[in-house]
Structure formats: C-alpha cells, structure tokens
Protein backbone atom coordinates (compact mmCIF):
# COMPACT_ATOMS: atom_id res chain seq x y z
CA MET A 1 0.00 0.00 0.00
CA GLY A 2 1.27 3.46 -0.86
CA ARG A 3 1.45 6.49 1.36
CA PRO A 4 -2.01 7.31 2.80
CA THR A 5 -3.60 10.41 1.30
CA ILE A 6 -6.04 12.99 2.52
CA ASP A 7 -8.65 11.21 0.40
CA ASP A 8 -8.06 8.02 2.40
CA VAL A 9 -8.58 9.91 5.66
CA ALA A 10 -11.74 11.54 4.34
CA GLU A 11 -13.16 8.24 3.09
CA LYS A 12 -12.46 6.28 6.27
CA SER A 13 -13.60 9.05 8.63
CA GLY A 14 -16.73 9.83 6.64
CA PHE A 15 -15.93 13.53 6.42
CA SER A 16 -15.05 15.73 3.46
CA LYS A 17 -11.51 16.64 2.43
CA ALA A 18 -12.28 20.21 3.48
CA THR A 19 -13.14 19.04 6.99
CA VAL A 20 -9.99 16.91 7.21
CA SER A 21 -7.93 19.90 6.04
CA ALA A 22 -9.61 22.08 8.66
CA VAL A 23 -8.61 19.58 11.36
CA LEU A 24 -5.03 19.54 10.08
CA ASN A 25 -4.93 23.33 10.25
CA ASP A 26 -6.51 23.53 13.75
CA ALA A 27 -9.46 25.50 12.42
CA ASP A 28 -11.94 26.75 15.04
CA THR A 29 -14.85 25.74 12.80
CA VAL A 30 -14.42 22.04 13.61
CA SER A 31 -16.29 20.55 16.58
CA ASP A 32 -14.37 18.60 19.21
CA SER A 33 -16.15 15.35 18.36
CA THR A 34 -15.38 15.70 14.65
CA ARG A 35 -11.78 16.58 15.42
CA ARG A 36 -11.36 13.49 17.60
CA LYS A 37 -12.81 11.19 14.94
CA VAL A 38 -10.61 12.59 12.18
CA GLU A 39 -7.51 12.48 14.38
CA GLN A 40 -8.23 8.86 15.27
CA VAL A 41 -8.28 7.94 11.57
CA ILE A 42 -5.09 9.96 10.99
CA ASP A 43 -3.40 7.88 13.70
CA GLU A 44 -4.82 4.58 12.40
CA LEU A 45 -3.63 5.24 8.84
CA ASN A 46 -0.38 6.87 9.98
CA TYR A 47 -1.30 9.68 7.59
CA ARG A 48 1.45 12.24 7.19
CA PRO A 49 0.20 15.41 5.53
CA ARG A 50 2.20 16.89 2.71
CA SER A 51 2.27 20.67 2.48
CA ALA A 52 -0.36 20.65 -0.25
CA ALA A 53 -2.84 18.83 1.98
CA ARG A 54 -2.19 21.16 4.90
CA GLY A 55 -2.55 24.28 2.81
CA GLY A 56 -5.84 23.68 1.01
CA PHE A 57 -4.78 21.21 -1.69
CA ARG A 58 -2.07 23.36 -3.25
CA ASP A 59 0.22 21.47 -5.61
CA ASP A 60 2.65 24.02 -6.99
CA GLY A 61 5.78 21.93 -6.53
CA ASN A 62 7.31 24.24 -3.91
CA ARG A 63 8.99 22.48 -1.00
CA SER A 64 10.20 24.24 2.11
CA VAL A 65 11.27 23.69 5.69
CA GLY A 66 11.11 26.13 8.56
CA VAL A 67 13.96 26.81 10.97
CA ILE A 68 13.16 28.48 14.30
CA ILE A 69 16.15 29.83 16.23
CA LYS A 70 16.47 31.85 19.43
CA GLU A 71 18.57 34.86 18.37
CA GLY A 72 18.80 36.12 14.82
CA GLY A 73 21.97 38.16 15.46
CA ASN A 74 23.91 35.31 17.08
CA SER A 75 26.54 33.81 14.77
CA TYR A 76 26.03 30.43 16.48
CA TYR A 77 22.57 30.17 14.92
CA ALA A 78 23.73 31.76 11.68
CA ASP A 79 26.14 28.84 11.23
CA ILE A 80 23.40 26.30 11.95
CA LEU A 81 21.20 28.03 9.39
CA SER A 82 24.01 27.99 6.85
CA GLY A 83 24.42 24.23 7.19
CA ALA A 84 20.69 23.59 6.98
CA ARG A 85 20.29 25.87 3.98
CA SER A 86 23.14 24.20 2.08
CA CYS A 87 21.65 20.74 2.56
CA ALA A 88 18.10 21.87 1.80
CA ARG A 89 19.17 23.59 -1.41
CA GLN A 90 20.86 20.42 -2.67
CA LYS A 91 17.65 18.49 -2.09
CA GLY A 92 15.38 21.05 -3.74
CA TYR A 93 13.98 22.70 -0.61
CA THR A 94 13.95 26.32 0.45
CA ILE A 95 14.50 27.48 4.04
CA LEU A 96 12.19 29.82 5.90
CA SER A 97 13.84 31.05 9.10
CA ALA A 98 12.63 33.10 12.04
CA SER A 99 13.90 34.06 15.49
CA SER A 100 11.86 33.61 18.65
CA GLY A 101 14.07 36.06 20.53
CA GLY A 102 14.16 33.49 23.31
CA GLU A 103 10.46 34.03 24.00
CA TYR A 104 8.20 30.99 24.21
CA ALA A 105 5.06 32.84 23.10
CA SER A 106 6.91 34.08 20.03
CA GLU A 107 8.15 30.57 19.25
CA GLN A 108 4.64 29.13 19.37
CA GLN A 109 3.34 31.96 17.18
CA ILE A 110 6.11 31.34 14.63
CA VAL A 111 5.20 27.64 14.49
CA ASP A 112 1.59 28.56 13.72
CA VAL A 113 2.65 31.06 11.06
CA MET A 114 5.03 28.62 9.40
CA LYS A 115 2.40 25.91 9.30
CA GLY A 116 0.14 28.47 7.64
CA LYS A 117 2.89 29.18 5.11
CA ASP A 118 2.76 25.53 4.14
CA VAL A 119 6.19 24.35 5.28
CA ASP A 120 6.79 20.61 5.02
CA GLY A 121 8.63 20.32 8.34
CA LEU A 122 10.42 22.25 11.08
CA ILE A 123 13.85 22.47 12.69
CA VAL A 124 13.42 23.96 16.17
CA VAL A 125 15.80 25.36 18.76
CA PRO A 126 13.29 25.17 21.64
CA VAL A 127 12.81 27.91 24.21
CA LEU A 128 13.01 26.30 27.65
CA ASN A 129 12.05 28.31 30.73
CA SER A 130 9.57 28.25 33.61
CA ASP A 131 6.75 29.44 31.34
CA THR A 132 7.33 26.98 28.52
CA ASP A 133 4.35 24.92 27.41
CA LEU A 134 5.54 22.26 25.00
CA SER A 135 2.09 20.99 24.10
CA TYR A 136 2.53 22.32 20.56
CA LEU A 137 5.43 19.89 20.02
CA PHE A 138 3.38 16.97 21.30
CA ASP A 139 0.62 18.12 18.95
CA LEU A 140 3.03 18.13 15.99
CA LYS A 141 4.19 14.65 16.95
CA ARG A 142 0.65 13.37 17.31
CA ARG A 143 -0.19 14.68 13.85
CA ASN A 144 2.95 13.08 12.37
CA PHE A 145 4.21 16.51 11.33
CA PRO A 146 7.97 16.17 10.68
CA PHE A 147 10.28 18.16 12.96
CA VAL A 148 13.80 18.01 14.37
CA LEU A 149 14.90 19.43 17.72
CA LEU A 150 18.33 20.92 18.35
CA GLU A 151 18.15 20.40 22.11
CA THR A 152 16.90 17.48 24.18
CA ILE A 153 13.53 17.93 25.86
CA ARG A 154 12.50 15.62 28.66
CA GLY A 155 9.39 13.58 27.96
CA ILE A 156 9.37 13.85 24.18
CA ARG A 157 11.14 11.39 21.95
CA ALA A 158 11.67 13.15 18.65
CA ASN A 159 14.26 13.61 15.93
CA LEU A 160 17.26 15.24 17.58
CA VAL A 161 20.58 16.69 16.46
CA ASP A 162 22.82 17.97 19.22
CA VAL A 163 26.39 17.97 20.44
CA ASP A 164 27.54 15.64 23.21
CA ASN A 165 27.41 18.43 25.79
CA GLU A 166 28.57 16.30 28.70
CA ALA A 167 31.68 15.20 26.80
CA ALA A 168 32.30 18.77 25.63
CA ALA A 169 32.27 20.25 29.15
CA LYS A 170 34.34 17.37 30.46
CA MET A 171 36.88 18.08 27.71
CA GLY A 172 37.10 21.77 28.60
CA THR A 173 37.43 21.11 32.32
CA SER A 174 40.03 18.37 31.80
CA TYR A 175 41.97 20.76 29.58
CA LEU A 176 42.33 23.23 32.45
CA ILE A 177 43.16 20.47 34.93
CA GLU A 178 45.93 19.22 32.63
CA LYS A 179 47.32 22.77 32.61
CA GLY A 180 47.71 22.60 36.37
CA HIS A 181 44.53 24.36 37.48
CA ARG A 182 42.93 23.03 40.65
CA GLN A 183 40.58 25.88 41.53
CA ILE A 184 38.09 25.74 38.68
CA ILE A 185 34.51 26.99 38.57
CA HIS A 186 31.73 26.79 36.00
CA PHE A 187 29.63 29.73 34.86
CA ALA A 188 26.49 27.72 34.12
CA GLY A 189 23.81 28.37 31.52
CA PRO A 190 20.04 28.91 31.71
CA GLU A 191 18.33 27.03 34.52
CA TYR A 192 15.85 25.08 32.39
CA SER A 193 18.22 24.13 29.58
CA MET A 194 19.27 20.49 29.22
CA HIS A 195 22.53 21.82 27.79
CA SER A 196 23.22 23.49 31.15
CA GLU A 197 22.53 20.29 33.04
CA GLU A 198 24.62 18.18 30.67
CA ARG A 199 27.60 20.54 30.79
CA THR A 200 27.55 20.64 34.58
CA ARG A 201 27.59 16.84 34.61
CA GLY A 202 30.59 16.92 32.29
CA MET A 203 32.50 19.18 34.68
CA ARG A 204 31.62 16.91 37.59
CA GLU A 205 32.89 13.86 35.68
CA ALA A 206 36.19 15.58 34.86
CA PHE A 207 36.68 16.37 38.54
CA SER A 208 35.89 12.80 39.50
CA GLU A 209 38.41 11.33 37.07
CA SER A 210 41.14 13.68 38.30
CA SER A 211 40.40 13.04 42.00
CA LEU A 212 39.49 16.70 42.57
CA ALA A 213 36.67 17.33 45.03
CA PHE A 214 33.54 18.67 43.33
CA HIS A 215 31.17 20.91 45.27
CA ASP A 216 27.90 22.42 44.11
CA ASP A 217 29.17 25.90 44.94
CA LEU A 218 31.66 25.54 42.09
CA VAL A 219 28.69 25.96 39.72
CA ILE A 220 27.78 29.64 39.43
CA PRO A 221 24.41 30.42 37.77
CA ALA A 222 25.11 32.81 34.91
CA GLY A 223 23.05 32.48 31.72
CA ALA A 224 23.72 32.53 28.01
CA ARG A 225 24.10 36.20 27.09
CA LEU A 226 27.06 38.56 26.93
CA GLU A 227 25.65 40.67 29.76
CA ASP A 228 25.13 37.54 31.89
CA GLY A 229 28.84 36.81 31.77
CA TYR A 230 29.73 40.41 32.53
CA GLU A 231 27.31 40.89 35.41
CA THR A 232 27.98 37.48 36.99
CA GLY A 233 31.73 37.98 36.65
CA GLU A 234 31.58 41.43 38.21
CA ALA A 235 29.48 40.17 41.14
CA PHE A 236 31.45 36.98 41.75
CA PHE A 237 35.02 38.21 41.39
CA GLY A 238 34.48 41.71 42.75
CA ASP A 239 34.72 40.74 46.43
CA LEU A 240 37.38 38.02 46.18
CA SER A 241 41.00 38.44 47.14
CA SER A 242 43.69 37.05 44.85
CA GLU A 243 44.08 34.09 47.23
CA GLU A 244 40.36 33.30 47.19
CA ARG A 245 39.60 33.52 43.51
CA PRO A 246 39.66 30.52 41.17
CA THR A 247 42.35 30.26 38.53
CA GLY A 248 40.11 28.79 35.83
CA VAL A 249 36.54 29.31 34.60
CA VAL A 250 34.67 27.03 32.21
CA CYS A 251 31.85 29.12 30.72
CA TYR A 252 28.51 27.91 29.36
CA ASN A 253 29.19 29.56 26.02
CA ASP A 254 31.45 32.05 24.29
CA LEU A 255 29.18 35.03 24.92
CA VAL A 256 29.33 34.43 28.67
CA ALA A 257 33.11 34.00 28.45
CA ILE A 258 33.56 37.25 26.50
CA GLY A 259 31.39 39.13 29.01
CA LEU A 260 33.39 37.64 31.87
CA ILE A 261 36.72 38.66 30.33
CA ARG A 262 35.53 42.26 30.10
CA ALA A 263 34.43 42.22 33.75
CA LEU A 264 37.77 40.76 34.84
CA ARG A 265 39.67 43.39 32.88
CA GLU A 266 37.69 46.18 34.57
CA LEU A 267 38.44 44.60 37.96
CA GLY A 268 42.15 44.61 37.17
CA ILE A 269 42.31 40.82 36.87
CA ALA A 270 44.43 39.69 33.93
CA VAL A 271 43.37 36.94 31.51
CA PRO A 272 45.02 34.46 31.34
CA GLU A 273 47.80 35.44 33.78
CA ASP A 274 45.46 35.58 36.81
CA VAL A 275 42.43 33.65 35.54
CA SER A 276 42.15 31.33 32.54
CA VAL A 277 38.80 31.44 30.75
CA ILE A 278 37.40 28.87 28.33
CA GLY A 279 34.19 29.25 26.33
CA CYS A 280 32.01 26.92 24.33
CA ASP A 281 30.65 27.16 20.74
CA ASP A 282 33.49 28.89 18.86
CA ILE A 283 31.37 31.70 17.48
CA GLU A 284 33.01 34.00 14.95
CA PRO A 285 33.80 36.87 17.38
CA ALA A 286 35.69 34.49 19.73
CA LYS A 287 38.89 34.81 17.73
CA TYR A 288 38.72 38.61 17.46
CA VAL A 289 38.10 39.77 21.05
CA SER A 290 40.81 41.53 23.05
CA VAL A 291 42.00 38.18 24.41
CA PRO A 292 41.28 35.59 21.69
CA LEU A 293 39.16 32.95 23.35
CA THR A 294 40.09 29.33 23.98
CA THR A 295 36.86 27.46 23.40
CA ILE A 296 35.12 24.16 22.88
CA GLN A 297 34.21 24.17 19.20
CA ILE A 298 30.68 22.98 18.42
CA PRO A 299 30.20 21.75 14.81
CA LYS A 300 27.37 24.17 14.13
CA ARG A 301 27.15 23.90 10.34
CA GLU A 302 27.28 20.13 10.64
CA MET A 303 24.40 20.30 13.12
CA GLY A 304 22.33 22.27 10.64
CA ARG A 305 23.20 19.92 7.80
CA HIS A 306 22.36 16.80 9.80
CA ALA A 307 19.09 18.33 10.98
CA ALA A 308 18.03 19.16 7.42
CA GLU A 309 19.01 15.70 6.17
CA ILE A 310 17.00 13.96 8.89
CA LEU A 311 14.02 16.26 8.41
CA ILE A 312 13.86 15.88 4.63
CA LYS A 313 14.24 12.11 4.90
CA ASP A 314 11.34 12.13 7.36
CA ILE A 315 9.24 14.36 5.09
CA GLU A 316 9.76 12.12 2.09
CA SER A 317 9.31 8.80 3.90
CA SER A 318 6.03 6.97 3.36
CA GLN A 319 6.51 4.98 6.58
CA LYS A 320 6.66 6.10 10.18
CA THR A 321 10.14 5.39 11.54
CA ALA A 322 11.81 5.62 14.94
CA PRO A 323 13.18 9.09 15.73
CA SER A 324 16.79 9.72 14.73
CA GLN A 325 19.13 10.80 17.53
CA VAL A 326 22.48 12.30 16.48
CA HIS A 327 25.10 13.57 18.96
CA LEU A 328 28.12 15.24 17.39
CA GLU A 329 31.57 15.59 18.91
CA ALA A 330 33.22 18.84 19.98
CA GLU A 331 36.90 19.78 20.05
CA ILE A 332 39.15 22.23 21.89
CA ILE A 333 40.35 25.31 20.02
CA GLU A 334 43.30 26.75 21.94
CA ARG A 335 43.84 30.50 21.84
CA ALA A 336 45.13 33.13 24.27
CA SER A 337 42.62 33.11 27.14
CA THR A 338 44.13 30.07 28.90
CA THR A 339 47.58 29.24 30.23
CA THR A 340 49.34 26.86 32.59
CA ASN A 341 48.96 27.47 36.31
C-alpha cells in the first residue's frame, strides 16, 4: 500500500476533504467530536500530511522547511542556518527562518505562522524556561508533522541533532586540569536548559576522574548572554582576594566568556595570567576579542546539515520510523585566554 492520502482519511472518517484539512490546520470551525474522529483515523492510517494537503490542496511543486532559532543576530545560529540551507538547497527545498528572541510565546506563534505558510517540516531550537508549554510539540508529533529538535527535551522522543554536551564540558574542564589548574569553577547556563545540566555533569565527571573534590558551589548560575557573563563575573570576582579567587573558569558559552573577560579586565584581573577562561561554541567573534578565546568548538554547520538531512528524509518517507538521535563531537580550540597554572 502506498502512502495514505487525505482522500483516504476523508473516506475512512466519513468527512469531506475540506473538513480533514480544517482539522489539520486547527481550524476553530471544527467541533471537538469531529476533530477526535478525524484524528483517530489519521493515527490509524499513519497519515502524514504533505504541504499541499495542509494548505488547502495546493500542488505548486514548492517544498520548504522552517527553521526556528532563538537569536537572529547570534553567529552560532547563523552557522546552523548555513548548514541547513546548504543541505536543503541540494535536495530542492527552500529554508524559511525566524527568530523567537528566546520568548516561548513568540516561538509558538512562529510555528503557527510557518504551518500556515505551508512548510513541510520544522527544525526547532526550543525555548526552555519556567513558562514553557511544550504541548505544541506533542501536537506536531501526534499529527505526524515532521520536525527536528536541536536540544533534548524531557518527555518527548523526537528527531534530535545535538552535540555531546557532557563530553564537551568534560573536555574543557580536563583541559584546564591538565594545565595545572585546581581551583576551577563553572559559569552555568540557563536554569531550564538540558545543555546546562549536561555541561555541569561533564564538569563533575572531569573532577571525579582527576580526583578533585567537586562541590555544588563551584557551579555559578550565569546564563547565556554577553551581559550575563559580565554581570555574573563582576558580582562573583568583585569581592574576592587574589588568594580566594579561582584560577580557571569554564563558561557555558562564548558570549558568557567574553562578558566575563571584560568584567575581569575592569576589575584589574588579567586573563590568562590571573584567571584562565574557556568558552564553548566557537562563534566567529571568539577569535577577534581583546584576548582571543580558547573554546570548545561545536560543529554548528554540521548540526544544521544533519538536521536538514533527517528532516527531509522524514518528510519524504512513506513509513513512520523511529526518531533519529544524532550527537556530534566537539573539540578544543586553543587561543590566548588560557595558560598553565
């Protein structure tokens, strides 16, 4: 049997194609009982709507995927987009991209808009905070709408492309330990991010393997933005004597590291002579700041390419398959912000 069509859903459910399309597009004109019946048939047939079915039976040959990122001006996401766009172009797809600005409500609105623009699937960098309601992702999954996540979310098994964050943070911490540092802290990322949790675990593992004692107070809540690194660095280091302060800091990302370096400079603390700082991501500005940043390089373009490959394969598959889970490896890029202790 070939791939189920909207006609098959209409025939088996007893409703018109227009009604089925309305259900697929979450139209308010459909009653709850009708919606449940149509959705039951969708699940039974494992129907996976093509863009034409979702958009009112268009068949103009256009194929597109949407990419939702957090910050449009961040070169980290620009590199991911570049990789996704390159792969999509080779396979005959166009990319529609939008930034949520790190706001959950904006992310959900973008998803609705992109579905209305008839995209065939989505690549999503999810916004995770205390207000996040991920029901829209479960709804996409229930409707067999193809999507790929770029960060793990608890409770939802979906296509995923990510870096091995635990191994990456362990690598960065071990790098400082091998350079003789014994007083090392971690400027951690956003509270609700799995990346933050994974990178903290990586630091803990590096300590364990080197027989250093790990304490929770070595993890300093910071964030993911430039100003987070600056403000946290100013507050943390401002009251410490030279004997009290750590000699090494593993930062959640490069932006935090760059902000920290500025704060340290203003406090009269030299990098790397007094404090070694290591970032994560290897964004473009990392090599051009006043103290070129040693960092854990994340293969961002490769992430985008893998995500697009998985998504397009899912879009074009006539059978429901198990979610693909890809974890890429990071590597250390050594520059001037670290030294031996």
